[in-house]
Protein backbone atom coordinates (compact mmCIF):
# COMPACT_ATOMS: atom_id res chain seq x y z
CA MET A 1 106.40 104.37 80.16
CA PRO A 2 106.31 100.86 81.32
CA ASN A 3 108.05 98.46 79.87
CA ILE A 4 106.46 95.58 78.58
CA LYS A 5 106.74 92.47 76.68
CA PRO A 6 105.53 89.18 75.71
CA ILE A 7 106.87 86.37 77.84
CA SER A 8 107.95 84.63 74.38
CA ASP A 9 110.65 87.24 74.49
CA LEU A 10 111.94 85.47 77.38
CA ARG A 11 113.66 82.81 74.61
CA ASN A 12 116.28 85.94 74.48
CA TYR A 13 117.04 85.94 78.27
CA THR A 14 119.97 87.79 78.03
CA ALA A 15 118.34 91.11 76.08
CA VAL A 16 115.17 91.23 78.56
CA ILE A 17 117.58 90.91 81.56
CA ASN A 18 119.46 93.82 80.06
CA GLU A 19 116.75 96.29 80.17
CA VAL A 20 116.29 95.47 84.00
CA THR A 21 117.44 98.65 85.87
CA TYR A 22 116.64 99.81 89.30
CA GLY A 23 112.99 101.62 89.02
CA ASN A 24 113.13 100.13 85.38
CA ARG A 25 110.79 97.09 85.98
CA VAL A 26 110.17 94.70 82.71
CA TYR A 27 106.45 93.27 82.87
CA LEU A 28 106.02 89.87 80.78
CA THR A 29 102.48 88.87 79.55
CA ARG A 30 100.99 85.44 78.01
CA ASN A 31 97.80 86.15 75.77
CA GLY A 32 98.16 89.73 76.12
CA HIS A 33 97.24 89.67 80.13
CA GLY A 34 99.80 90.68 83.44
CA GLU A 35 101.84 87.88 84.12
CA CYS A 36 104.76 88.38 85.98
CA ALA A 37 107.50 91.46 86.45
CA ILE A 38 111.22 91.49 86.35
CA ILE A 39 112.52 93.60 88.97
CA ASP A 40 115.97 94.72 90.15
CA MET A 41 117.25 92.87 93.33
CA LYS A 42 117.83 95.85 95.37
CA GLU A 43 114.57 97.63 94.64
CA LEU A 44 113.30 94.08 95.59
CA ASP A 45 114.99 94.45 98.67
CA GLU A 46 114.08 98.12 99.42
CA LEU A 47 110.20 96.67 98.53
CA ASP A 48 110.53 93.73 100.79
CA LYS A 49 112.15 96.44 104.05
CA ILE A 50 109.38 98.83 103.44
CA LYS A 51 106.46 95.58 103.23
CA ALA A 52 108.26 94.44 106.82
CA LEU A 53 108.14 97.70 108.45
CA HIS A 54 104.55 98.37 107.00
CA THR A 55 103.70 95.03 109.07
CA LEU A 56 105.33 96.16 111.82
CA MET A 57 103.40 99.20 112.26
CA SER A 58 100.40 97.52 112.01
CA LYS A 59 101.19 94.99 114.37
CA LEU A 60 102.08 98.27 117.08
CA GLU A 61 99.27 100.03 116.05
CA GLU A 62 97.06 96.95 117.31
CA ALA A 63 99.00 96.71 120.03
CA GLU A 64 97.99 100.36 121.16
CA VAL A 65 94.57 100.04 120.49
CA SER A 66 94.52 96.85 122.94
CA ILE A 67 96.00 98.57 125.14
CA ARG A 68 93.51 101.60 125.45
CA GLU A 69 90.71 99.26 125.08
CA HIS A 70 91.78 96.68 127.34
CA GLY A 71 94.61 97.83 129.55
CA THR A 72 97.98 96.58 130.86
CA ILE A 73 99.07 93.81 133.43
CA SER A 74 101.74 94.20 135.86
CA ALA A 75 105.18 92.00 135.12
CA ASP A 76 104.18 89.99 138.29
CA GLU A 77 101.08 89.15 136.60
CA LEU A 78 102.28 88.07 133.42
CA GLU A 79 105.13 85.81 135.05
CA ALA A 80 101.94 84.04 137.08
CA GLU A 81 99.97 83.70 133.87
CA LEU A 82 103.03 82.35 131.88
CA GLY A 83 104.17 80.23 135.13
CA VAL A 84 108.06 82.09 135.14
């Protein structure tokens, strides 16, 4: 069951923070609408890693599509293009 609280409960900050654990977020509302969430730092780190992995996999997929559609160039051609 989601742990949903009005943002005014942050007046008692310690009590709200004590309810946050890994996998148990506290969702804060303002005027009955979702405003923000408080999550465990380890969970946040894992979510950041998953996001970075997803971004990397998307870029790799784009590169594979580009290679299939446009091919590749040799190392000599790359050096000439870069002026190295």
